[in-house]
Protein backbone atom coordinates (compact mmCIF):
# COMPACT_ATOMS: atom_id res chain seq x y z
CA MET A 1 0.00 0.00 0.00
CA GLN A 2 1.31 3.42 -0.87
CA ARG A 3 0.96 6.43 1.39
CA LYS A 4 2.05 10.07 1.13
CA THR A 5 4.28 11.91 3.56
CA VAL A 6 4.97 15.62 3.45
CA GLU A 7 8.26 17.41 4.03
CA ILE A 8 8.28 21.15 4.63
CA THR A 9 11.06 23.29 3.23
CA ASN A 10 11.61 26.94 2.30
CA MET A 11 11.45 28.32 -1.22
CA ARG A 12 11.99 31.77 -2.68
CA ILE A 13 8.65 33.28 -3.65
CA ALA A 14 10.13 33.93 -7.12
CA ASP A 15 10.44 30.14 -7.60
CA VAL A 16 6.82 29.29 -6.71
CA ALA A 17 4.88 27.68 -9.57
CA THR A 18 1.17 27.17 -10.10
CA GLY A 19 0.10 24.02 -8.24
CA ASP A 20 2.68 24.35 -5.44
CA VAL A 21 1.36 24.06 -1.87
CA ILE A 22 2.71 27.03 0.11
CA ASN A 23 2.30 29.07 3.28
CA ARG A 24 3.83 32.35 4.40
CA ASP A 25 4.80 30.56 7.67
CA PRO A 26 6.63 27.24 7.13
CA THR A 27 6.02 26.20 10.76
CA ALA A 28 2.24 26.60 10.52
CA THR A 29 -0.09 23.61 10.75
CA SER A 30 -2.90 25.42 8.95
CA GLY A 31 -3.24 28.08 6.27
CA TRP A 32 -1.53 26.11 3.48
CA PHE A 33 -2.94 26.67 0.01
CA VAL A 34 -2.40 25.68 -3.61
CA ALA A 35 -0.85 28.47 -5.69
CA GLU A 36 -3.34 29.18 -8.45
CA GLU A 37 -2.31 32.61 -9.76
CA ILE A 38 1.10 34.28 -9.62
CA ARG A 39 1.35 37.96 -10.56
CA ARG A 40 4.05 40.60 -10.47
CA LEU A 41 2.66 43.77 -8.95
CA PRO A 42 3.57 47.30 -10.14
CA SER A 43 5.68 47.62 -6.97
CA GLY A 44 7.86 44.73 -8.18
CA GLU A 45 6.59 42.34 -5.51
CA ILE A 46 5.07 38.96 -6.34
CA ASN A 47 1.50 38.09 -5.33
CA VAL A 48 0.57 34.41 -5.10
CA THR A 49 -3.12 33.62 -4.58
CA SER A 50 -5.32 30.55 -4.16
CA ALA A 51 -8.16 29.65 -6.54
CA SER A 52 -10.64 31.42 -4.26
CA SER A 53 -8.31 34.43 -3.90
CA GLN A 54 -8.96 34.28 -0.14
CA ASP A 55 -5.44 33.06 0.58
CA SER A 56 -2.42 34.98 -0.66
CA VAL A 57 1.22 35.72 -0.05
CA ILE A 58 3.00 38.87 -1.21
CA GLY A 59 6.75 39.33 -1.17
CA ALA A 60 9.94 40.36 -2.91
CA ASP A 61 11.73 37.84 -5.17
CA ASN A 62 14.07 36.55 -2.45
CA ASP A 63 11.50 36.37 0.37
CA LEU A 64 10.96 32.84 1.64
CA VAL A 65 7.71 30.90 1.86
CA GLY A 66 7.02 27.43 3.22
CA PHE A 67 6.72 24.74 0.54
CA GLN A 68 5.27 21.22 0.90
CA VAL A 69 7.04 18.35 -0.85
CA ALA A 70 4.82 15.23 -1.01
CA LYS A 71 6.62 11.88 -1.19
CA THR A 72 5.16 8.45 -1.79
CA VAL A 73 6.24 5.73 0.64
CA GLU A 74 5.47 2.03 0.63
CA ARG A 75 3.63 0.72 3.67
CA SER A 76 4.17 -2.93 4.40
CA GLY A 77 2.06 -5.21 6.55
CA ALA A 78 -1.62 -5.93 6.88
């Protein structure tokens, strides 16, 4: 049986891609969202929003966000 585990790491906001699961606080247990739209604002900052646009992160290119990396593991036994 296969299961998923999640590792949390940091990523520059400039490297976030659509579909990434991110959070402004990598230590948070809630508030994670799927990046749906990524826009460069007139100020030069990057705005990443969820599909509902209720969740968002804004930052400069080198600002860090939390990033979830899902990994498949094999589970043995009954």
